[in-house]
Structure formats: structure tokens, C-alpha cells
Amino acid sequence: MAASIAIGNTAVGFVGRLHPLIEENFGFNGDVYLALLDVDQLWSDFRPKKVYRPIARTMTAGRDLSFTLDRGSTAAGIIAAVRAAGGEDLLAADIFDVYQGENVAAGKKSVAVGMTFATADVADSATGRIIRRLEEEFGAIIRR
């Protein structure tokens, strides 16, 4: 009884039971199972990417945006657009509120995004780029 271990089409090892005669010859009391893994192959497939960012000498800056857009817009699409427009100055972006209902037009939803920027110096210009991107890509209307 044995099984191969693979990641996609790449074999990375196997697991199986030792033959009963070998178990008996070595005096094992019970079934013995073995596994062989190609650790080098596993490591090459799952090696984490190291990202280095120097420690900021200034405080980070937070900004929140609230806007309305079509209900069909996805969270993943919105965050992807925010990150693309924010560039390297944008350290984090998360949707923290979604509202559909009273005071929001039919077929629309209100979405609020919290953002953290590397410094206050870049926060305003990056926020401007993000607003323009959301307006162009989603027809977003910024709520003031």
C-alpha cells in the first residue's frame, strides 16, 4: 500500500506501508509506515518571497474614502484599483463598510475604504490618483 505525493504534475515524495515481512524481520510490533519527501523540491515551490521595506522615519498617514458605485462592483476589483493607483506609497487598503439601502440610489452601493500611506507627504497626491482611478474604472462618486 503506497501513494505518491505531488504538487501539480511534480512528484515531491511518497508515503506507504513497509512490507509485512520486513516488519517481522526487524521485530516491529504493528504496522510501520514510511514517508519520503523531496524537501528541496518542496522548498523551491513554497519559498516565501522576502520583501524588505526600510523602517519609515516619519509617521504613516491614514485616509478613508467613501463612495457610491454599481452594486455589481466586486471588493477584489475595487481593492485592486486602489492598490494600483496608490502605488508603492500605499502600504495597506481595506474595505471597512458596504451599505445598500436607504439614501443610496437603486442599483448602487456605498463602499468605504481605509488606506494607510507611507507618509503624510504622499497621502494627498496618492488619494487624488485613487479617486480618479475609481471614477474612471467604476464610475464611482465620492461621498463628501
N, C-alpha and C. Protein backbone atom coordinates (compact mmCIF):
# COMPACT_ATOMS: atom_id res chain seq x y z
N MET A 1 0.85 -1.15 0.00
CA MET A 1 0.00 0.00 0.00
C MET A 1 0.91 1.23 0.00
N ALA A 2 0.78 2.10 -1.03
CA ALA A 2 1.63 3.29 -1.15
C ALA A 2 0.89 4.35 -1.95
N ALA A 3 1.36 5.59 -1.80
CA ALA A 3 0.78 6.69 -2.56
C ALA A 3 1.88 7.69 -2.90
N SER A 4 1.78 8.26 -4.08
CA SER A 4 2.70 9.31 -4.48
C SER A 4 2.18 10.65 -3.97
N ILE A 5 3.09 11.54 -3.70
CA ILE A 5 2.74 12.90 -3.29
C ILE A 5 3.21 13.83 -4.39
N ALA A 6 2.31 14.65 -4.89
CA ALA A 6 2.65 15.55 -5.98
C ALA A 6 2.05 16.93 -5.75
N ILE A 7 2.73 17.91 -6.30
CA ILE A 7 2.20 19.27 -6.35
C ILE A 7 2.04 19.57 -7.82
N GLY A 8 0.79 19.64 -8.26
CA GLY A 8 0.54 19.76 -9.69
C GLY A 8 1.03 18.49 -10.36
N ASN A 9 1.90 18.63 -11.34
CA ASN A 9 2.47 17.48 -12.04
C ASN A 9 3.86 17.11 -11.55
N THR A 10 4.31 17.73 -10.47
CA THR A 10 5.65 17.50 -9.96
C THR A 10 5.61 16.56 -8.75
N ALA A 11 6.28 15.42 -8.86
CA ALA A 11 6.35 14.47 -7.75
C ALA A 11 7.27 15.04 -6.67
N VAL A 12 6.81 15.02 -5.43
CA VAL A 12 7.62 15.52 -4.32
C VAL A 12 7.83 14.47 -3.25
N GLY A 13 7.32 13.25 -3.44
CA GLY A 13 7.56 12.20 -2.47
C GLY A 13 6.55 11.09 -2.56
N PHE A 14 6.61 10.22 -1.55
CA PHE A 14 5.63 9.14 -1.46
C PHE A 14 5.47 8.75 -0.01
N VAL A 15 4.38 8.05 0.27
CA VAL A 15 4.11 7.52 1.58
C VAL A 15 3.57 6.11 1.39
N GLY A 16 3.94 5.21 2.31
CA GLY A 16 3.47 3.84 2.17
C GLY A 16 3.81 2.98 3.37
N ARG A 17 3.25 1.80 3.39
CA ARG A 17 3.48 0.85 4.47
C ARG A 17 4.68 -0.03 4.13
N LEU A 18 5.49 -0.27 5.13
CA LEU A 18 6.62 -1.18 4.99
C LEU A 18 6.07 -2.59 4.80
N HIS A 19 6.72 -3.37 3.95
CA HIS A 19 6.24 -4.73 3.68
C HIS A 19 6.18 -5.53 4.99
N PRO A 20 5.10 -6.31 5.19
CA PRO A 20 4.94 -7.06 6.45
C PRO A 20 6.11 -8.00 6.77
N LEU A 21 6.75 -8.60 5.77
CA LEU A 21 7.90 -9.47 6.04
C LEU A 21 9.08 -8.69 6.62
N ILE A 22 9.28 -7.48 6.13
CA ILE A 22 10.36 -6.64 6.66
C ILE A 22 10.02 -6.21 8.08
N GLU A 23 8.76 -5.86 8.31
CA GLU A 23 8.34 -5.52 9.68
C GLU A 23 8.64 -6.68 10.62
N GLU A 24 8.30 -7.88 10.19
CA GLU A 24 8.51 -9.08 11.01
C GLU A 24 10.00 -9.33 11.25
N ASN A 25 10.83 -9.22 10.18
CA ASN A 25 12.28 -9.44 10.30
C ASN A 25 12.93 -8.49 11.30
N PHE A 26 12.44 -7.27 11.37
CA PHE A 26 13.02 -6.28 12.28
C PHE A 26 12.35 -6.29 13.65
N GLY A 27 11.32 -7.11 13.81
CA GLY A 27 10.68 -7.25 15.11
C GLY A 27 9.75 -6.11 15.48
N PHE A 28 9.22 -5.42 14.49
CA PHE A 28 8.28 -4.34 14.79
C PHE A 28 6.96 -4.92 15.26
N ASN A 29 6.35 -4.31 16.25
CA ASN A 29 5.05 -4.75 16.76
C ASN A 29 3.97 -3.84 16.16
N GLY A 30 3.47 -4.19 15.02
CA GLY A 30 2.43 -3.38 14.38
C GLY A 30 2.89 -2.88 13.03
N ASP A 31 1.97 -2.19 12.39
CA ASP A 31 2.25 -1.67 11.05
C ASP A 31 3.23 -0.50 11.11
N VAL A 32 4.12 -0.42 10.14
CA VAL A 32 5.09 0.66 10.04
C VAL A 32 4.87 1.37 8.70
N TYR A 33 4.73 2.67 8.78
CA TYR A 33 4.54 3.49 7.59
C TYR A 33 5.74 4.40 7.42
N LEU A 34 6.10 4.65 6.17
CA LEU A 34 7.25 5.49 5.84
C LEU A 34 6.81 6.59 4.90
N ALA A 35 7.54 7.70 4.96
CA ALA A 35 7.31 8.79 4.02
C ALA A 35 8.67 9.30 3.55
N LEU A 36 8.75 9.61 2.29
CA LEU A 36 9.96 10.19 1.72
C LEU A 36 9.54 11.44 0.99
N LEU A 37 10.10 12.57 1.39
CA LEU A 37 9.76 13.85 0.78
C LEU A 37 11.01 14.48 0.19
N ASP A 38 10.87 15.06 -0.98
CA ASP A 38 11.94 15.81 -1.62
C ASP A 38 11.85 17.25 -1.08
N VAL A 39 12.53 17.49 0.02
CA VAL A 39 12.44 18.78 0.70
C VAL A 39 12.95 19.91 -0.19
N ASP A 40 13.98 19.65 -0.99
CA ASP A 40 14.48 20.69 -1.89
C ASP A 40 13.39 21.12 -2.87
N GLN A 41 12.65 20.16 -3.41
CA GLN A 41 11.58 20.48 -4.34
C GLN A 41 10.46 21.23 -3.62
N LEU A 42 10.09 20.77 -2.44
CA LEU A 42 9.06 21.46 -1.66
C LEU A 42 9.48 22.89 -1.36
N TRP A 43 10.71 23.07 -0.96
CA TRP A 43 11.20 24.40 -0.61
C TRP A 43 11.21 25.32 -1.84
N SER A 44 11.59 24.81 -2.98
CA SER A 44 11.63 25.65 -4.18
C SER A 44 10.23 26.08 -4.60
N ASP A 45 9.23 25.24 -4.37
CA ASP A 45 7.85 25.59 -4.74
C ASP A 45 7.21 26.56 -3.75
N PHE A 46 7.61 26.51 -2.48
CA PHE A 46 6.93 27.28 -1.46
C PHE A 46 7.81 28.29 -0.75
N ARG A 47 8.94 28.60 -1.31
CA ARG A 47 9.83 29.56 -0.68
C ARG A 47 9.14 30.92 -0.60
N PRO A 48 9.00 31.46 0.59
CA PRO A 48 8.34 32.75 0.71
C PRO A 48 9.18 33.85 0.07
N LYS A 49 8.52 34.79 -0.54
CA LYS A 49 9.23 35.91 -1.13
C LYS A 49 9.56 36.90 -0.02
N LYS A 50 10.82 37.26 0.06
CA LYS A 50 11.25 38.20 1.08
C LYS A 50 11.05 39.61 0.55
N VAL A 51 10.36 40.39 1.33
CA VAL A 51 10.12 41.78 0.96
C VAL A 51 10.74 42.66 2.04
N TYR A 52 11.59 43.53 1.61
CA TYR A 52 12.24 44.43 2.54
C TYR A 52 11.75 45.84 2.30
N ARG A 53 11.32 46.46 3.34
CA ARG A 53 10.93 47.86 3.25
C ARG A 53 11.58 48.55 4.45
N PRO A 54 12.39 49.57 4.20
CA PRO A 54 13.07 50.22 5.32
C PRO A 54 12.06 50.81 6.31
N ILE A 55 12.46 50.90 7.53
CA ILE A 55 11.61 51.50 8.56
C ILE A 55 11.45 52.98 8.24
N ALA A 56 10.20 53.43 8.26
CA ALA A 56 9.92 54.83 7.94
C ALA A 56 10.44 55.74 9.03
N ARG A 57 10.99 56.85 8.62
CA ARG A 57 11.48 57.84 9.58
C ARG A 57 10.37 58.80 9.97
N THR A 58 9.24 58.73 9.27
CA THR A 58 8.10 59.58 9.58
C THR A 58 6.89 58.69 9.87
N MET A 59 5.89 59.28 10.44
CA MET A 59 4.67 58.54 10.78
C MET A 59 3.90 58.21 9.50
N THR A 60 3.20 57.07 9.53
CA THR A 60 2.32 56.75 8.41
C THR A 60 1.09 57.65 8.48
N ALA A 61 0.37 57.70 7.38
CA ALA A 61 -0.83 58.55 7.32
C ALA A 61 -2.01 57.72 6.85
N GLY A 62 -3.11 57.85 7.54
CA GLY A 62 -4.32 57.13 7.19
C GLY A 62 -5.30 58.04 6.48
N ARG A 63 -6.02 57.47 5.52
CA ARG A 63 -7.08 58.19 4.81
C ARG A 63 -8.24 57.22 4.61
N ASP A 64 -9.45 57.73 4.70
CA ASP A 64 -10.65 56.96 4.41
C ASP A 64 -11.39 57.61 3.26
N LEU A 65 -11.90 56.79 2.36
CA LEU A 65 -12.73 57.27 1.24
C LEU A 65 -14.06 56.55 1.28
N SER A 66 -15.11 57.29 1.03
CA SER A 66 -16.44 56.70 0.92
C SER A 66 -17.00 57.12 -0.43
N PHE A 67 -17.57 56.17 -1.16
CA PHE A 67 -18.07 56.47 -2.50
C PHE A 67 -19.21 55.52 -2.83
N THR A 68 -20.00 55.93 -3.82
CA THR A 68 -21.06 55.05 -4.32
C THR A 68 -20.66 54.57 -5.71
N LEU A 69 -21.07 53.34 -6.00
CA LEU A 69 -20.81 52.75 -7.31
C LEU A 69 -21.83 51.65 -7.56
N ASP A 70 -21.76 51.03 -8.75
CA ASP A 70 -22.70 49.98 -9.10
C ASP A 70 -22.60 48.81 -8.14
N ARG A 71 -23.76 48.20 -7.83
CA ARG A 71 -23.79 47.05 -6.92
C ARG A 71 -22.96 45.88 -7.42
N GLY A 72 -22.80 45.74 -8.72
CA GLY A 72 -22.06 44.61 -9.29
C GLY A 72 -20.55 44.71 -9.13
N SER A 73 -20.06 45.85 -8.66
CA SER A 73 -18.62 46.02 -8.47
C SER A 73 -18.15 45.11 -7.34
N THR A 74 -17.02 44.42 -7.56
CA THR A 74 -16.53 43.48 -6.56
C THR A 74 -15.51 44.13 -5.63
N ALA A 75 -15.42 43.60 -4.42
CA ALA A 75 -14.43 44.08 -3.46
C ALA A 75 -13.02 43.89 -4.00
N ALA A 76 -12.78 42.73 -4.62
CA ALA A 76 -11.44 42.46 -5.17
C ALA A 76 -11.08 43.47 -6.26
N GLY A 77 -12.03 43.81 -7.11
CA GLY A 77 -11.78 44.78 -8.18
C GLY A 77 -11.50 46.17 -7.63
N ILE A 78 -12.27 46.55 -6.61
CA ILE A 78 -12.09 47.87 -6.00
C ILE A 78 -10.71 47.95 -5.35
N ILE A 79 -10.36 46.96 -4.55
CA ILE A 79 -9.06 46.99 -3.86
C ILE A 79 -7.91 46.93 -4.86
N ALA A 80 -8.06 46.16 -5.93
CA ALA A 80 -7.01 46.10 -6.96
C ALA A 80 -6.79 47.47 -7.58
N ALA A 81 -7.87 48.18 -7.87
CA ALA A 81 -7.77 49.52 -8.45
C ALA A 81 -7.12 50.49 -7.47
N VAL A 82 -7.51 50.41 -6.20
CA VAL A 82 -6.93 51.29 -5.17
C VAL A 82 -5.43 51.03 -5.05
N ARG A 83 -5.04 49.76 -5.01
CA ARG A 83 -3.62 49.44 -4.87
C ARG A 83 -2.81 49.86 -6.09
N ALA A 84 -3.39 49.68 -7.28
CA ALA A 84 -2.68 50.07 -8.50
C ALA A 84 -2.47 51.58 -8.54
N ALA A 85 -3.49 52.33 -8.18
CA ALA A 85 -3.38 53.80 -8.23
C ALA A 85 -2.52 54.32 -7.08
N GLY A 86 -2.55 53.65 -5.94
CA GLY A 86 -1.79 54.11 -4.77
C GLY A 86 -0.30 53.88 -4.91
N GLY A 87 0.07 52.87 -5.68
CA GLY A 87 1.49 52.59 -5.92
C GLY A 87 2.23 52.18 -4.65
N GLU A 88 3.54 52.39 -4.66
CA GLU A 88 4.39 51.98 -3.55
C GLU A 88 4.12 52.77 -2.27
N ASP A 89 3.53 53.95 -2.41
CA ASP A 89 3.25 54.79 -1.23
C ASP A 89 2.10 54.23 -0.40
N LEU A 90 1.26 53.40 -1.01
CA LEU A 90 0.13 52.81 -0.30
C LEU A 90 0.59 51.54 0.41
N LEU A 91 0.55 51.53 1.72
CA LEU A 91 1.01 50.38 2.49
C LEU A 91 -0.10 49.36 2.72
N ALA A 92 -1.34 49.82 2.87
CA ALA A 92 -2.46 48.92 3.14
C ALA A 92 -3.75 49.56 2.66
N ALA A 93 -4.69 48.71 2.24
CA ALA A 93 -6.02 49.18 1.83
C ALA A 93 -7.03 48.08 2.15
N ASP A 94 -8.11 48.46 2.81
CA ASP A 94 -9.14 47.50 3.19
C ASP A 94 -10.51 48.15 3.09
N ILE A 95 -11.49 47.39 2.64
CA ILE A 95 -12.87 47.85 2.67
C ILE A 95 -13.39 47.62 4.08
N PHE A 96 -13.90 48.68 4.71
CA PHE A 96 -14.39 48.51 6.07
C PHE A 96 -15.89 48.74 6.20
N ASP A 97 -16.56 49.13 5.11
CA ASP A 97 -18.01 49.30 5.19
C ASP A 97 -18.62 49.20 3.79
N VAL A 98 -19.74 48.48 3.71
CA VAL A 98 -20.53 48.41 2.49
C VAL A 98 -21.98 48.59 2.92
N TYR A 99 -22.67 49.53 2.26
CA TYR A 99 -24.06 49.80 2.62
C TYR A 99 -24.91 49.86 1.36
N GLN A 100 -26.06 49.18 1.42
CA GLN A 100 -27.05 49.23 0.35
C GLN A 100 -28.39 49.45 1.03
N GLY A 101 -29.06 50.47 0.66
CA GLY A 101 -30.35 50.71 1.30
C GLY A 101 -30.76 52.16 1.19
N GLU A 102 -31.45 52.62 2.24
CA GLU A 102 -31.98 53.98 2.28
C GLU A 102 -30.89 55.00 2.02
N ASN A 103 -31.21 56.01 1.25
CA ASN A 103 -30.30 57.11 0.87
C ASN A 103 -29.20 56.69 -0.11
N VAL A 104 -29.30 55.49 -0.67
CA VAL A 104 -28.37 55.06 -1.72
C VAL A 104 -29.24 54.68 -2.92
N ALA A 105 -28.91 55.21 -4.09
CA ALA A 105 -29.71 55.00 -5.29
C ALA A 105 -29.87 53.51 -5.61
N ALA A 106 -30.98 53.19 -6.27
CA ALA A 106 -31.25 51.80 -6.67
C ALA A 106 -30.13 51.31 -7.59
N GLY A 107 -29.68 50.09 -7.37
CA GLY A 107 -28.62 49.50 -8.19
C GLY A 107 -27.23 49.97 -7.80
N LYS A 108 -27.15 50.75 -6.73
CA LYS A 108 -25.85 51.28 -6.26
C LYS A 108 -25.58 50.78 -4.85
N LYS A 109 -24.32 50.92 -4.43
CA LYS A 109 -23.95 50.64 -3.05
C LYS A 109 -22.92 51.66 -2.61
N SER A 110 -22.85 51.87 -1.32
CA SER A 110 -21.87 52.77 -0.75
C SER A 110 -20.75 51.92 -0.17
N VAL A 111 -19.52 52.24 -0.51
CA VAL A 111 -18.36 51.48 -0.05
C VAL A 111 -17.38 52.46 0.60
N ALA A 112 -16.80 52.03 1.74
CA ALA A 112 -15.79 52.84 2.40
C ALA A 112 -14.49 52.04 2.45
N VAL A 113 -13.40 52.70 2.07
CA VAL A 113 -12.08 52.07 2.03
C VAL A 113 -11.15 52.83 2.97
N GLY A 114 -10.47 52.08 3.83
CA GLY A 114 -9.44 52.66 4.69
C GLY A 114 -8.08 52.40 4.07
N MET A 115 -7.23 53.41 4.08
CA MET A 115 -5.91 53.29 3.45
C MET A 115 -4.83 53.81 4.39
N THR A 116 -3.66 53.20 4.32
CA THR A 116 -2.51 53.66 5.08
C THR A 116 -1.39 53.94 4.10
N PHE A 117 -0.83 55.15 4.20
CA PHE A 117 0.24 55.58 3.30
C PHE A 117 1.55 55.69 4.07
N ALA A 118 2.64 55.63 3.32
CA ALA A 118 3.98 55.66 3.90
C ALA A 118 4.22 56.94 4.69
N THR A 119 3.80 58.08 4.15
CA THR A 119 3.98 59.37 4.84
C THR A 119 2.80 60.26 4.53
N ALA A 120 2.62 61.28 5.35
CA ALA A 120 1.57 62.27 5.12
C ALA A 120 1.85 63.06 3.85
N ASP A 121 3.13 63.22 3.51
CA ASP A 121 3.51 63.99 2.32
C ASP A 121 2.93 63.39 1.04
N VAL A 122 2.85 62.08 0.97
CA VAL A 122 2.38 61.43 -0.25
C VAL A 122 0.90 61.06 -0.20
N ALA A 123 0.29 61.11 0.97
CA ALA A 123 -1.09 60.64 1.13
C ALA A 123 -2.07 61.42 0.26
N ASP A 124 -1.97 62.73 0.23
CA ASP A 124 -2.94 63.53 -0.52
C ASP A 124 -2.84 63.31 -2.03
N SER A 125 -1.62 63.30 -2.57
CA SER A 125 -1.48 63.10 -4.01
C SER A 125 -1.90 61.69 -4.40
N ALA A 126 -1.55 60.69 -3.59
CA ALA A 126 -1.95 59.32 -3.88
C ALA A 126 -3.46 59.16 -3.77
N THR A 127 -4.08 59.81 -2.79
CA THR A 127 -5.54 59.75 -2.65
C THR A 127 -6.20 60.34 -3.89
N GLY A 128 -5.65 61.41 -4.41
CA GLY A 128 -6.18 62.01 -5.64
C GLY A 128 -6.11 61.04 -6.81
N ARG A 129 -4.99 60.34 -6.95
CA ARG A 129 -4.86 59.34 -8.03
C ARG A 129 -5.88 58.22 -7.85
N ILE A 130 -6.09 57.81 -6.61
CA ILE A 130 -7.03 56.73 -6.32
C ILE A 130 -8.46 57.16 -6.66
N ILE A 131 -8.82 58.37 -6.29
CA ILE A 131 -10.17 58.89 -6.61
C ILE A 131 -10.37 58.90 -8.11
N ARG A 132 -9.41 59.43 -8.86
CA ARG A 132 -9.54 59.47 -10.32
C ARG A 132 -9.69 58.07 -10.90
N ARG A 133 -8.92 57.13 -10.40
CA ARG A 133 -8.98 55.74 -10.89
C ARG A 133 -10.36 55.13 -10.63
N LEU A 134 -10.90 55.33 -9.42
CA LEU A 134 -12.21 54.78 -9.09
C LEU A 134 -13.31 55.44 -9.93
N GLU A 135 -13.19 56.74 -10.18
CA GLU A 135 -14.16 57.43 -11.03
C GLU A 135 -14.12 56.89 -12.45
N GLU A 136 -12.92 56.71 -13.00
CA GLU A 136 -12.77 56.24 -14.38
C GLU A 136 -13.17 54.77 -14.54
N GLU A 137 -12.72 53.92 -13.62
CA GLU A 137 -12.92 52.48 -13.78
C GLU A 137 -14.31 52.01 -13.34
N PHE A 138 -14.87 52.64 -12.30
CA PHE A 138 -16.14 52.17 -11.75
C PHE A 138 -17.26 53.19 -11.82
N GLY A 139 -16.97 54.40 -12.29
CA GLY A 139 -17.98 55.44 -12.28
C GLY A 139 -18.32 55.85 -10.86
N ALA A 140 -17.37 55.69 -9.96
CA ALA A 140 -17.59 55.98 -8.53
C ALA A 140 -17.85 57.47 -8.32
N ILE A 141 -18.72 57.75 -7.38
CA ILE A 141 -19.00 59.12 -6.95
C ILE A 141 -18.56 59.22 -5.51
N ILE A 142 -17.59 60.08 -5.26
CA ILE A 142 -17.05 60.25 -3.91
C ILE A 142 -18.09 60.94 -3.03
N ARG A 143 -18.30 60.37 -1.85
CA ARG A 143 -19.24 60.95 -0.88
C ARG A 143 -18.45 61.89 0.02
N ARG A 144 -18.90 63.08 0.10
CA ARG A 144 -18.18 64.10 0.90
C ARG A 144 -18.96 64.45 2.14
